[in-house]
């Protein structure tokens, strides 16, 4: 007997686990809420495909990228 109630079913794409798929490699920069050295982080950001800010790091990143803030 098949249950016709499918309202609570979540479908998750698991193709990324397939070992036959071509692997795509990304560089991810994770920035925490710590003081930032502008030149250092600008260089790392240019080498990264994705940037993740955690725990208030977005505010610090905004500060070093703000052209009106000479830092």
N, C-alpha and C. Protein backbone atom coordinates (compact mmCIF):
# COMPACT_ATOMS: atom_id res chain seq x y z
N UNK A 1 0.84 -1.18 0.00
CA UNK A 1 0.00 0.00 0.00
C UNK A 1 0.88 1.24 0.00
N UNK A 2 0.63 2.14 -0.91
CA UNK A 2 1.41 3.37 -1.04
C UNK A 2 0.69 4.50 -0.32
N UNK A 3 1.43 5.24 0.48
CA UNK A 3 0.87 6.37 1.21
C UNK A 3 0.74 7.55 0.24
N UNK A 4 -0.48 8.04 0.04
CA UNK A 4 -0.72 9.15 -0.87
C UNK A 4 -0.46 10.51 -0.23
N UNK A 5 -0.16 10.53 1.05
CA UNK A 5 0.08 11.79 1.75
C UNK A 5 1.56 12.15 1.63
N UNK A 6 1.92 13.00 0.67
CA UNK A 6 3.32 13.36 0.41
C UNK A 6 3.61 14.80 0.80
N UNK A 7 2.79 15.38 1.62
CA UNK A 7 2.97 16.79 1.98
C UNK A 7 4.25 17.05 2.76
N UNK A 8 4.68 16.13 3.59
CA UNK A 8 5.82 16.36 4.48
C UNK A 8 7.11 15.73 3.98
N UNK A 9 7.20 15.46 2.69
CA UNK A 9 8.39 14.84 2.13
C UNK A 9 9.30 15.92 1.55
N UNK A 10 10.56 15.91 1.94
CA UNK A 10 11.55 16.81 1.39
C UNK A 10 12.45 16.03 0.45
N UNK A 11 12.63 16.54 -0.74
CA UNK A 11 13.52 15.89 -1.70
C UNK A 11 14.83 16.66 -1.73
N UNK A 12 15.91 15.95 -1.51
CA UNK A 12 17.24 16.57 -1.47
C UNK A 12 18.06 16.02 -2.61
N UNK A 13 18.67 16.90 -3.36
CA UNK A 13 19.52 16.50 -4.48
C UNK A 13 20.87 16.02 -3.94
N UNK A 14 21.15 14.74 -4.08
CA UNK A 14 22.39 14.17 -3.57
C UNK A 14 23.38 13.84 -4.68
N UNK A 15 23.21 14.43 -5.83
CA UNK A 15 24.14 14.14 -6.93
C UNK A 15 25.57 14.54 -6.60
N UNK A 16 25.73 15.50 -5.69
CA UNK A 16 27.08 15.92 -5.34
C UNK A 16 27.88 14.79 -4.68
N UNK A 17 27.21 13.74 -4.21
CA UNK A 17 27.89 12.61 -3.61
C UNK A 17 28.34 11.57 -4.64
N UNK A 18 27.89 11.71 -5.85
CA UNK A 18 28.21 10.74 -6.90
C UNK A 18 29.68 10.85 -7.27
N UNK A 19 30.42 9.77 -7.12
CA UNK A 19 31.87 9.80 -7.40
C UNK A 19 32.16 9.87 -8.90
N UNK A 20 31.17 9.58 -9.72
CA UNK A 20 31.39 9.63 -11.17
C UNK A 20 31.21 11.04 -11.73
N UNK A 21 30.58 11.91 -10.98
CA UNK A 21 30.40 13.29 -11.43
C UNK A 21 31.74 14.02 -11.41
N UNK A 22 31.90 14.93 -12.32
CA UNK A 22 33.11 15.74 -12.36
C UNK A 22 33.13 16.64 -11.13
N UNK A 23 34.24 16.63 -10.43
CA UNK A 23 34.37 17.42 -9.22
C UNK A 23 34.72 18.86 -9.57
N UNK A 24 34.04 19.78 -8.94
CA UNK A 24 34.32 21.20 -9.11
C UNK A 24 34.90 21.68 -7.79
N UNK A 25 36.03 22.31 -7.86
CA UNK A 25 36.70 22.78 -6.65
C UNK A 25 36.55 24.29 -6.52
N UNK A 26 36.21 24.71 -5.31
CA UNK A 26 36.05 26.12 -5.01
C UNK A 26 36.94 26.47 -3.84
N UNK A 27 37.35 27.72 -3.81
CA UNK A 27 38.06 28.24 -2.66
C UNK A 27 37.09 29.11 -1.89
N UNK A 28 36.93 28.80 -0.60
CA UNK A 28 35.98 29.53 0.23
C UNK A 28 36.77 30.24 1.33
N UNK A 29 36.53 31.53 1.47
CA UNK A 29 37.15 32.32 2.53
C UNK A 29 36.10 32.52 3.62
N UNK A 30 36.38 32.06 4.82
CA UNK A 30 35.47 32.24 5.96
C UNK A 30 36.09 33.28 6.87
N UNK A 31 35.36 34.37 7.06
CA UNK A 31 35.86 35.49 7.88
C UNK A 31 35.08 35.52 9.18
N UNK A 32 35.82 35.54 10.29
CA UNK A 32 35.20 35.62 11.62
C UNK A 32 35.28 37.05 12.12
N UNK A 33 34.60 37.31 13.20
CA UNK A 33 34.55 38.66 13.75
C UNK A 33 35.85 38.97 14.51
N UNK A 34 36.89 39.22 13.73
CA UNK A 34 38.21 39.55 14.26
C UNK A 34 38.71 40.79 13.54
N UNK A 35 39.66 41.52 14.10
CA UNK A 35 40.21 42.67 13.38
C UNK A 35 40.80 42.22 12.04
N UNK A 36 40.57 43.02 10.99
CA UNK A 36 41.01 42.66 9.65
C UNK A 36 42.14 43.57 9.19
N UNK A 37 43.11 42.98 8.52
CA UNK A 37 44.18 43.76 7.87
C UNK A 37 43.77 43.90 6.41
N UNK A 38 43.50 45.13 6.00
CA UNK A 38 42.88 45.40 4.71
C UNK A 38 43.61 44.74 3.54
N UNK A 39 44.90 44.97 3.40
CA UNK A 39 45.65 44.44 2.26
C UNK A 39 45.64 42.91 2.23
N UNK A 40 45.75 42.32 3.40
CA UNK A 40 45.75 40.86 3.51
C UNK A 40 44.42 40.29 3.04
N UNK A 41 43.33 40.84 3.54
CA UNK A 41 42.01 40.32 3.19
C UNK A 41 41.63 40.61 1.75
N UNK A 42 42.05 41.75 1.23
CA UNK A 42 41.77 42.03 -0.19
C UNK A 42 42.46 41.01 -1.08
N UNK A 43 43.67 40.62 -0.74
CA UNK A 43 44.40 39.61 -1.51
C UNK A 43 43.69 38.25 -1.41
N UNK A 44 43.29 37.87 -0.20
CA UNK A 44 42.58 36.60 -0.02
C UNK A 44 41.23 36.60 -0.74
N UNK A 45 40.54 37.73 -0.71
CA UNK A 45 39.24 37.81 -1.36
C UNK A 45 39.38 37.64 -2.88
N UNK A 46 40.44 38.16 -3.45
CA UNK A 46 40.66 38.01 -4.89
C UNK A 46 40.97 36.57 -5.28
N UNK A 47 41.46 35.77 -4.35
CA UNK A 47 41.78 34.38 -4.63
C UNK A 47 40.61 33.43 -4.33
N UNK A 48 39.53 33.95 -3.76
CA UNK A 48 38.42 33.11 -3.31
C UNK A 48 37.25 33.16 -4.29
N UNK A 49 36.56 32.02 -4.39
CA UNK A 49 35.34 31.96 -5.19
C UNK A 49 34.13 32.42 -4.38
N UNK A 50 34.14 32.12 -3.09
CA UNK A 50 33.04 32.48 -2.20
C UNK A 50 33.61 33.06 -0.92
N UNK A 51 32.87 34.00 -0.33
CA UNK A 51 33.26 34.60 0.94
C UNK A 51 32.10 34.43 1.91
N UNK A 52 32.40 33.85 3.07
CA UNK A 52 31.38 33.65 4.10
C UNK A 52 31.79 34.46 5.32
N UNK A 53 30.88 35.28 5.80
CA UNK A 53 31.13 36.08 7.00
C UNK A 53 30.30 35.52 8.14
N UNK A 54 30.94 35.30 9.27
CA UNK A 54 30.24 34.74 10.43
C UNK A 54 30.45 35.65 11.64
N UNK A 55 29.43 35.70 12.48
CA UNK A 55 29.55 36.34 13.79
C UNK A 55 29.99 37.79 13.70
N UNK A 56 29.35 38.59 12.89
CA UNK A 56 29.65 40.02 12.83
C UNK A 56 30.77 40.38 11.88
N UNK A 57 31.34 39.42 11.19
CA UNK A 57 32.44 39.71 10.28
C UNK A 57 31.99 40.55 9.09
N UNK A 58 30.73 40.50 8.73
CA UNK A 58 30.23 41.30 7.62
C UNK A 58 30.40 42.79 7.93
N UNK A 59 30.21 43.17 9.17
CA UNK A 59 30.41 44.57 9.55
C UNK A 59 31.87 44.98 9.40
N UNK A 60 32.77 44.12 9.82
CA UNK A 60 34.21 44.44 9.69
C UNK A 60 34.63 44.47 8.23
N UNK A 61 34.10 43.56 7.44
CA UNK A 61 34.41 43.54 6.02
C UNK A 61 33.88 44.81 5.34
N UNK A 62 32.69 45.22 5.71
CA UNK A 62 32.12 46.45 5.18
C UNK A 62 33.01 47.64 5.52
N UNK A 63 33.54 47.67 6.74
CA UNK A 63 34.41 48.76 7.14
C UNK A 63 35.67 48.86 6.29
N UNK A 64 36.28 47.71 5.96
CA UNK A 64 37.51 47.79 5.17
C UNK A 64 37.22 48.04 3.69
N UNK A 65 36.01 47.73 3.23
CA UNK A 65 35.66 47.96 1.83
C UNK A 65 35.04 49.33 1.62
N UNK A 66 34.67 50.02 2.70
CA UNK A 66 34.06 51.34 2.59
C UNK A 66 35.12 52.34 2.14
N UNK A 67 34.90 52.95 0.99
CA UNK A 67 35.87 53.89 0.42
C UNK A 67 35.97 55.17 1.25
N UNK A 68 34.96 55.48 2.04
CA UNK A 68 34.97 56.68 2.88
C UNK A 68 35.68 56.46 4.21
N UNK A 69 36.06 55.22 4.48
CA UNK A 69 36.72 54.89 5.74
C UNK A 69 38.17 54.52 5.43
N UNK A 70 39.14 55.42 5.65
CA UNK A 70 40.54 55.16 5.29
C UNK A 70 41.18 54.03 6.08
N UNK A 71 40.67 53.72 7.26
CA UNK A 71 41.15 52.68 8.15
C UNK A 71 42.63 52.76 8.30
